[in-house]
Amino acid sequence: MKKLLASLLIVCTLLGCMMISINAGYNYDQSTVLEWTMKKDVIKEFTFEPTDITGATALKFDLYLESAADFGFTSFEIGTHPHCDWKEKQVNGAASFGTLVNGWNTVSLDLASIPESNDWKDANDGSVAGFDYSHLCRIRIFNVNVDGKETNVKLKNIVAVKGDTEIKVGGAPVVLDTGVLEGNVRTYAFELYQDSEAKYLRNTTAGDNGTQRFSDAGAETVYAFGMVDTDKIEKVEFSAKLGCQLLLQVSNDAKNWVEVYKYTEVVPDHPEAGADVKVYDFDLTDKWTKGDALYIRIADSSPENGWGGSIFKDNVNTLKVTYKSDAPVDDPTPATFDAVSSVAVAAVAALGVALVASKKRH
């Protein structure tokens, strides 16, 4: 019995790690410019839609350094499995990137000369050990800035070089739907679990019981809408069937969020208490910073007790953009945005179904 319990514990731990990796979603696609401040002893990881680079001889990318003299790291990994230390190659130290200068650099790494870095975990999921050229999906930098200094870094245009061609790494940029324009009102409408939702669903790590997507603790559901003629917008309104301990936020880049609504009522004897389930109407006009996209995030206002904000089925949820009288009469070409691919959305949504077994909602 003890052996059986131990085996189950190992399986659950592995599944938990896999869920964490999947829940994280992809944070790089072909249009993304990754930007961060490198600090001492941090780990920076980028995941992307698996890319087949079979036959490639080099991995190339553009790297911006605010201060090349302050740029340092212990290891740079390229992985072909969602988990670190599994089916990857690794170079050590910034010197492996060649001579670097302040500003933009082009780094080219000879794939054949990069040693594989695999440990005992390789066979735990039944996979074959070794770097899998057909499934490049992850980059990790760790123990950065070994001298303790900080510097701004940007990374973009990751490609694999195969002969005279370049294979773009990651999924193609997703095209944002721009809704339907009638007169001076542009409407984006969707229902939970319907085809109409897929057009706007950017990412969800929420639980799902077939009635609602519930974003407990750090989980979230994010919708994305293509915005056009933003200088002519007069009003932006969002209407949806929501409830529970709701945190609603908006953004124009899915990184910097502005709070629209936060359920804060404290009911000591009923920690699961939350906002009534009903259709809520929000004016986003002064909350959203104008840009090519508008993101709406549904999250948890009290992540410590796990009764997070929810969006419910059986309602046509709408984002309505009202233009001034000189609004355009023709729809432009849809914009693109920095987001996970539709494949990633489907994968993450499928994971949400697996969370039905959550101890809270049945």
Protein backbone atom coordinates (compact mmCIF):
# COMPACT_ATOMS: atom_id res chain seq x y z
CA MET A 1 0.00 0.00 0.00
CA LYS A 2 2.82 2.42 0.86
CA LYS A 3 4.45 1.77 -2.51
CA LEU A 4 1.13 2.41 -4.24
CA LEU A 5 0.63 5.68 -2.37
CA ALA A 6 4.18 6.75 -3.16
CA SER A 7 3.64 6.02 -6.84
CA LEU A 8 0.40 7.98 -6.85
CA LEU A 9 2.17 10.89 -5.18
CA ILE A 10 4.84 10.93 -7.88
CA VAL A 11 2.22 10.81 -10.63
CA CYS A 12 0.23 13.63 -9.02
CA THR A 13 3.37 15.72 -8.62
CA LEU A 14 4.29 15.26 -12.28
CA LEU A 15 0.76 16.08 -13.39
CA GLY A 16 0.80 19.15 -11.20
CA CYS A 17 4.04 20.33 -12.80
CA MET A 18 2.60 19.72 -16.25
CA MET A 19 -0.51 21.74 -15.37
CA ILE A 20 1.62 24.61 -14.13
CA SER A 21 3.54 24.62 -17.39
CA ILE A 22 0.38 24.48 -19.51
CA ASN A 23 -1.44 27.00 -17.36
CA ALA A 24 1.34 29.47 -17.89
CA GLY A 25 0.40 29.68 -21.55
CA TYR A 26 2.79 30.81 -24.28
CA ASN A 27 4.50 34.15 -23.71
CA TYR A 28 6.23 34.38 -27.09
CA ASP A 29 4.99 34.34 -30.67
CA GLN A 30 6.60 35.53 -33.87
CA SER A 31 5.55 39.15 -33.32
CA THR A 32 6.64 39.42 -29.68
CA VAL A 33 9.42 41.64 -28.38
CA LEU A 34 10.34 40.22 -24.98
CA GLU A 35 11.57 42.89 -22.58
CA TRP A 36 12.72 42.63 -18.97
CA THR A 37 15.26 43.85 -16.46
CA MET A 38 17.91 41.24 -15.75
CA LYS A 39 18.56 40.98 -12.04
CA LYS A 40 20.87 38.86 -9.95
CA ASP A 41 19.89 35.23 -9.47
CA VAL A 42 16.61 35.34 -11.37
CA ILE A 43 15.27 32.87 -13.91
CA LYS A 44 13.70 34.05 -17.16
CA GLU A 45 11.77 31.50 -19.22
CA PHE A 46 9.97 31.90 -22.55
CA THR A 47 7.57 29.30 -23.88
CA PHE A 48 6.09 29.15 -27.35
CA GLU A 49 4.11 26.99 -29.72
CA PRO A 50 6.29 23.94 -30.51
CA THR A 51 8.30 24.52 -33.67
CA ASP A 52 9.85 21.88 -35.93
CA ILE A 53 13.45 22.94 -36.64
CA THR A 54 14.58 19.59 -38.05
CA GLY A 55 17.62 20.11 -40.28
CA ALA A 56 18.49 23.49 -38.76
CA THR A 57 22.13 24.19 -38.00
CA ALA A 58 21.84 27.38 -35.95
CA LEU A 59 19.48 29.29 -33.68
CA LYS A 60 19.50 33.04 -34.23
CA PHE A 61 17.83 35.97 -32.46
CA ASP A 62 18.13 39.71 -31.94
CA LEU A 63 19.26 40.78 -28.48
CA TYR A 64 19.15 44.33 -27.11
CA LEU A 65 21.35 45.26 -24.16
CA GLU A 66 21.15 48.54 -22.34
CA SER A 67 24.61 47.79 -20.94
CA ALA A 68 26.59 44.95 -22.50
CA ALA A 69 29.17 45.22 -19.70
CA ASP A 70 26.49 44.40 -17.12
CA PHE A 71 24.99 41.46 -19.01
CA GLY A 72 25.81 38.06 -17.56
CA PHE A 73 24.30 34.64 -16.91
CA THR A 74 25.30 31.13 -15.92
CA SER A 75 23.28 29.11 -18.44
CA PHE A 76 21.13 29.62 -21.53
CA GLU A 77 18.91 26.65 -22.39
CA ILE A 78 16.83 25.76 -25.42
CA GLY A 79 14.31 23.05 -24.61
CA THR A 80 12.13 20.62 -26.51
CA HIS A 81 10.03 19.58 -23.51
CA PRO A 82 7.79 21.79 -21.32
CA HIS A 83 9.93 21.05 -18.25
CA CYS A 84 13.46 22.23 -17.62
CA ASP A 85 16.26 19.61 -17.52
CA TRP A 86 14.36 17.54 -20.07
CA LYS A 87 15.49 17.15 -23.68
CA GLU A 88 17.42 20.40 -23.96
CA LYS A 89 20.69 21.98 -25.07
CA GLN A 90 22.62 24.42 -22.92
CA VAL A 91 25.41 26.96 -23.29
CA ASN A 92 27.17 28.52 -20.33
CA GLY A 93 28.05 32.16 -19.82
CA ALA A 94 27.49 35.32 -21.84
CA ALA A 95 30.74 34.70 -23.70
CA SER A 96 28.92 31.97 -25.63
CA PHE A 97 26.92 34.76 -27.33
CA GLY A 98 30.08 36.22 -28.85
CA THR A 99 31.10 39.86 -28.68
CA LEU A 100 28.18 41.99 -27.49
CA VAL A 101 27.72 45.75 -27.63
CA ASN A 102 25.26 48.23 -26.18
CA GLY A 103 22.06 48.30 -28.24
CA TRP A 104 20.94 45.61 -30.68
CA ASN A 105 23.04 42.50 -31.36
CA THR A 106 22.37 39.46 -33.54
CA VAL A 107 23.28 36.25 -31.74
CA SER A 108 23.81 33.02 -33.69
CA LEU A 109 24.35 29.72 -31.88
CA ASP A 110 25.70 26.64 -33.67
CA LEU A 111 23.23 23.93 -32.66
CA ALA A 112 25.62 21.05 -33.32
CA SER A 113 28.21 22.48 -30.94
CA ILE A 114 25.76 23.02 -28.07
CA PRO A 115 25.91 20.04 -25.73
CA GLU A 116 22.74 18.34 -24.57
CA SER A 117 21.79 18.81 -20.93
CA ASN A 118 19.59 15.96 -19.70
CA ASP A 119 19.20 14.45 -16.27
CA TRP A 120 17.45 11.43 -14.76
CA LYS A 121 14.00 12.86 -15.45
CA ASP A 122 14.17 12.09 -19.16
CA ALA A 123 12.36 8.76 -18.99
CA ASN A 124 9.76 9.69 -16.36
CA ASP A 125 7.05 10.45 -18.91
CA GLY A 126 8.08 7.68 -21.26
CA SER A 127 9.76 10.09 -23.67
CA VAL A 128 13.01 9.33 -25.40
CA ALA A 129 16.01 11.14 -23.97
CA GLY A 130 17.73 13.73 -26.09
CA PHE A 131 17.06 17.03 -27.80
CA ASP A 132 14.02 16.77 -30.09
CA TYR A 133 14.52 19.01 -33.13
CA SER A 134 10.87 18.58 -34.10
CA HIS A 135 9.55 20.18 -30.90
CA LEU A 136 11.46 23.32 -29.86
CA CYS A 137 9.19 25.00 -27.31
CA ARG A 138 11.15 26.70 -24.54
CA ILE A 139 14.08 29.00 -23.74
CA ARG A 140 15.40 29.58 -20.23
CA ILE A 141 18.09 31.86 -18.84
CA PHE A 142 19.10 31.40 -15.23
CA ASN A 143 21.53 32.80 -12.68
CA VAL A 144 21.66 35.99 -14.71
CA ASN A 145 23.83 39.00 -13.93
CA VAL A 146 26.33 37.04 -11.94
CA ASP A 147 28.08 40.29 -11.04
CA GLY A 148 24.92 41.59 -9.38
CA LYS A 149 24.27 44.51 -11.70
CA GLU A 150 20.99 45.15 -13.52
CA THR A 151 20.36 46.02 -17.15
CA ASN A 152 17.43 46.27 -19.54
CA VAL A 153 17.20 43.46 -22.09
CA LYS A 154 15.04 42.84 -25.15
CA LEU A 155 14.83 39.72 -27.31
CA LYS A 156 12.99 39.23 -30.61
CA ASN A 157 13.01 37.48 -34.00
CA ILE A 158 13.92 33.96 -32.85
CA VAL A 159 14.61 31.84 -35.94
CA ALA A 160 16.30 28.54 -36.77
CA VAL A 161 18.65 28.65 -39.75
CA LYS A 162 18.28 25.79 -42.22
CA GLY A 163 20.46 26.22 -45.30
CA ASP A 164 19.38 29.43 -47.02
CA THR A 165 16.07 29.62 -45.16
CA GLU A 166 14.97 30.71 -41.71
CA ILE A 167 12.32 28.90 -39.69
CA LYS A 168 10.39 31.34 -37.53
CA VAL A 169 10.11 30.04 -33.98
CA GLY A 170 6.76 30.13 -32.19
CA GLY A 171 3.23 30.52 -33.47
CA ALA A 172 2.18 33.14 -35.97
CA PRO A 173 0.63 36.32 -34.54
CA VAL A 174 -3.05 35.87 -33.88
CA VAL A 175 -5.42 38.16 -35.74
CA LEU A 176 -7.78 40.08 -33.48
CA ASP A 177 -11.42 40.17 -34.45
CA THR A 178 -12.71 43.74 -34.85
CA GLY A 179 -16.38 43.02 -34.28
CA VAL A 180 -19.27 44.32 -36.40
CA LEU A 181 -19.68 47.99 -37.27
CA GLU A 182 -23.23 49.32 -37.67
CA GLY A 183 -23.54 53.07 -37.97
CA ASN A 184 -21.25 54.54 -35.34
CA VAL A 185 -21.32 51.50 -33.00
CA ARG A 186 -18.92 48.57 -33.22
CA THR A 187 -20.14 45.46 -31.37
CA TYR A 188 -18.20 42.39 -30.28
CA ALA A 189 -20.58 39.67 -29.05
CA PHE A 190 -19.94 36.20 -27.67
CA GLU A 191 -21.45 33.44 -25.57
CA LEU A 192 -19.56 31.11 -23.28
CA TYR A 193 -18.69 27.75 -24.93
CA GLN A 194 -19.98 28.89 -28.34
CA ASP A 195 -18.01 29.45 -31.54
CA SER A 196 -18.46 33.16 -31.02
CA GLU A 197 -16.30 32.98 -27.86
CA ALA A 198 -13.32 31.47 -29.67
CA LYS A 199 -12.87 34.70 -31.65
CA TYR A 200 -12.12 36.66 -28.51
CA LEU A 201 -10.78 34.17 -25.96
CA ARG A 202 -7.09 34.85 -25.58
CA ASN A 203 -6.28 32.65 -22.62
CA THR A 204 -8.00 30.79 -19.80
CA THR A 205 -6.52 28.88 -16.91
CA ALA A 206 -9.86 28.94 -15.09
CA GLY A 207 -11.72 25.94 -13.77
CA ASP A 208 -14.73 24.91 -15.80
CA ASN A 209 -17.83 23.00 -14.68
CA GLY A 210 -19.83 23.45 -17.88
CA THR A 211 -21.75 26.40 -16.46
CA GLN A 212 -19.01 28.89 -15.66
CA ARG A 213 -15.31 29.55 -15.96
CA PHE A 214 -14.15 30.19 -12.38
CA SER A 215 -10.81 31.93 -11.92
CA ASP A 216 -9.66 30.88 -8.47
CA ALA A 217 -6.43 32.09 -6.86
CA GLY A 218 -3.98 32.89 -9.69
CA ALA A 219 -6.20 31.60 -12.49
CA GLU A 220 -7.64 33.96 -15.09
CA THR A 221 -9.77 34.28 -18.19
CA VAL A 222 -8.66 36.91 -20.70
CA TYR A 223 -10.57 38.13 -23.76
CA ALA A 224 -8.97 40.24 -26.50
CA PHE A 225 -10.63 42.63 -28.97
CA GLY A 226 -9.18 44.40 -31.99
CA MET A 227 -9.62 48.18 -31.65
CA VAL A 228 -9.63 50.53 -34.63
CA ASP A 229 -9.98 54.29 -35.10
CA THR A 230 -9.30 54.77 -31.42
CA ASP A 231 -8.96 58.54 -31.79
CA LYS A 232 -12.65 58.67 -32.75
CA ILE A 233 -13.95 56.57 -29.84
CA GLU A 234 -16.51 58.25 -27.61
CA LYS A 235 -17.48 55.39 -25.28
CA VAL A 236 -16.44 51.79 -24.51
CA GLU A 237 -18.90 49.56 -22.63
CA PHE A 238 -18.70 45.93 -21.51
CA SER A 239 -21.68 43.80 -20.50
CA ALA A 240 -21.38 40.22 -19.25
CA LYS A 241 -22.93 37.65 -16.92
CA LEU A 242 -20.46 37.59 -14.03
CA GLY A 243 -20.29 36.91 -10.31
CA CYS A 244 -18.50 35.50 -7.25
CA GLN A 245 -15.34 37.19 -5.92
CA LEU A 246 -14.79 39.04 -9.13
CA LEU A 247 -11.77 41.07 -10.14
CA LEU A 248 -12.26 42.73 -13.53
CA GLN A 249 -9.35 44.50 -15.22
CA VAL A 250 -8.57 46.02 -18.62
CA SER A 251 -5.37 46.60 -20.56
CA ASN A 252 -4.10 47.54 -24.00
CA ASP A 253 -1.11 45.20 -23.87
CA ALA A 254 -2.13 42.29 -21.59
CA LYS A 255 0.70 43.30 -19.26
CA ASN A 256 -0.31 46.50 -17.49
CA TRP A 257 -3.75 46.10 -15.95
CA VAL A 258 -6.21 48.72 -14.70
CA GLU A 259 -8.86 47.75 -12.19
CA VAL A 260 -12.48 48.21 -13.24
CA TYR A 261 -14.26 46.29 -10.49
CA LYS A 262 -13.18 44.41 -7.37
CA TYR A 263 -15.50 42.55 -5.01
CA THR A 264 -14.38 43.50 -1.50
CA GLU A 265 -17.29 42.75 0.83
CA VAL A 266 -16.13 40.74 3.85
CA VAL A 267 -18.48 38.08 5.24
CA PRO A 268 -16.53 36.27 8.01
CA ASP A 269 -18.95 33.38 8.33
CA HIS A 270 -19.24 32.90 4.58
CA PRO A 271 -15.79 33.08 2.95
CA GLU A 272 -17.36 31.88 -0.32
CA ALA A 273 -19.65 34.90 -0.50
CA GLY A 274 -19.29 36.96 -3.62
CA ALA A 275 -20.99 39.26 -6.07
CA ASP A 276 -24.44 38.19 -7.23
CA VAL A 277 -24.55 36.25 -10.47
CA LYS A 278 -26.16 38.61 -12.96
CA VAL A 279 -25.46 40.71 -16.02
CA TYR A 280 -23.13 43.58 -15.12
CA ASP A 281 -22.55 46.69 -17.23
CA PHE A 282 -19.22 48.52 -17.05
CA ASP A 283 -18.07 51.76 -18.64
CA LEU A 284 -14.45 51.19 -19.69
CA THR A 285 -13.99 54.51 -21.47
CA ASP A 286 -11.72 56.08 -18.85
CA LYS A 287 -10.10 52.83 -17.75
CA TRP A 288 -8.64 51.60 -20.99
CA THR A 289 -5.52 53.20 -22.49
CA LYS A 290 -6.02 53.50 -26.23
CA GLY A 291 -4.19 51.00 -28.40
CA ASP A 292 -4.69 48.39 -31.11
CA ALA A 293 -6.18 45.94 -28.63
CA LEU A 294 -8.40 45.89 -25.58
CA TYR A 295 -7.94 43.01 -23.14
CA ILE A 296 -10.47 42.17 -20.44
CA ARG A 297 -9.27 40.00 -17.56
CA ILE A 298 -11.52 38.09 -15.17
CA ALA A 299 -9.65 37.07 -12.02
CA ASP A 300 -9.98 36.54 -8.25
CA SER A 301 -10.43 39.49 -5.86
CA SER A 302 -9.59 37.26 -2.86
CA PRO A 303 -7.08 34.66 -4.12
CA GLU A 304 -6.46 33.32 -0.64
CA ASN A 305 -9.84 31.59 -0.32
CA GLY A 306 -10.43 30.32 -3.85
CA TRP A 307 -13.92 31.50 -4.74
CA GLY A 308 -12.77 33.47 -7.74
CA GLY A 309 -14.46 35.67 -10.28
CA SER A 310 -16.60 33.81 -12.81
CA ILE A 311 -18.18 34.32 -16.19
CA PHE A 312 -21.34 32.31 -16.88
CA LYS A 313 -23.08 30.67 -19.81
CA ASP A 314 -26.53 31.51 -21.25
CA ASN A 315 -25.86 35.16 -21.96
CA VAL A 316 -24.71 37.17 -24.96
CA ASN A 317 -21.78 39.16 -23.58
CA THR A 318 -20.92 42.32 -25.49
CA LEU A 319 -18.24 44.92 -25.85
CA LYS A 320 -19.67 48.03 -27.50
CA VAL A 321 -17.55 50.83 -28.90
CA THR A 322 -19.40 54.02 -29.77
CA TYR A 323 -17.67 56.40 -32.16
CA LYS A 324 -18.12 60.10 -32.57
CA SER A 325 -20.25 61.32 -35.45
CA ASP A 326 -17.31 61.18 -37.88
CA ALA A 327 -16.71 57.47 -37.26
CA PRO A 328 -15.48 55.32 -40.20
CA VAL A 329 -17.96 53.49 -42.38
CA ASP A 330 -15.59 50.77 -43.61
CA ASP A 331 -13.82 48.12 -41.57
CA PRO A 332 -10.01 48.12 -41.86
CA THR A 333 -7.71 45.11 -41.96
CA PRO A 334 -7.74 43.45 -38.52
CA ALA A 335 -4.79 44.14 -36.25
CA THR A 336 -2.49 41.48 -34.82
CA PHE A 337 -1.59 41.11 -31.19
CA ASP A 338 0.95 39.54 -28.83
CA ALA A 339 -0.92 36.43 -27.73
CA VAL A 340 -1.04 32.68 -27.52
CA SER A 341 -2.07 30.89 -30.69
CA SER A 342 -5.48 29.36 -31.16
CA VAL A 343 -3.85 25.98 -30.56
CA ALA A 344 -2.66 27.21 -27.17
CA VAL A 345 -6.09 28.59 -26.35
CA ALA A 346 -7.66 25.25 -27.14
CA ALA A 347 -5.09 23.43 -25.03
CA VAL A 348 -5.56 25.69 -22.07
CA ALA A 349 -9.33 25.60 -22.40
CA ALA A 350 -9.16 21.81 -22.41
CA LEU A 351 -7.15 21.99 -19.23
CA GLY A 352 -9.90 24.05 -17.67
CA VAL A 353 -12.27 21.13 -18.20
CA ALA A 354 -9.86 18.92 -16.29
CA LEU A 355 -10.20 21.22 -13.31
CA VAL A 356 -13.88 20.35 -12.85
CA ALA A 357 -12.75 18.13 -10.01
CA SER A 358 -11.95 21.24 -7.93
CA LYS A 359 -13.18 20.75 -4.41
CA LYS A 360 -15.26 23.93 -4.52
CA ARG A 361 -17.68 23.81 -7.41
CA HIS A 362 -19.70 20.84 -8.63
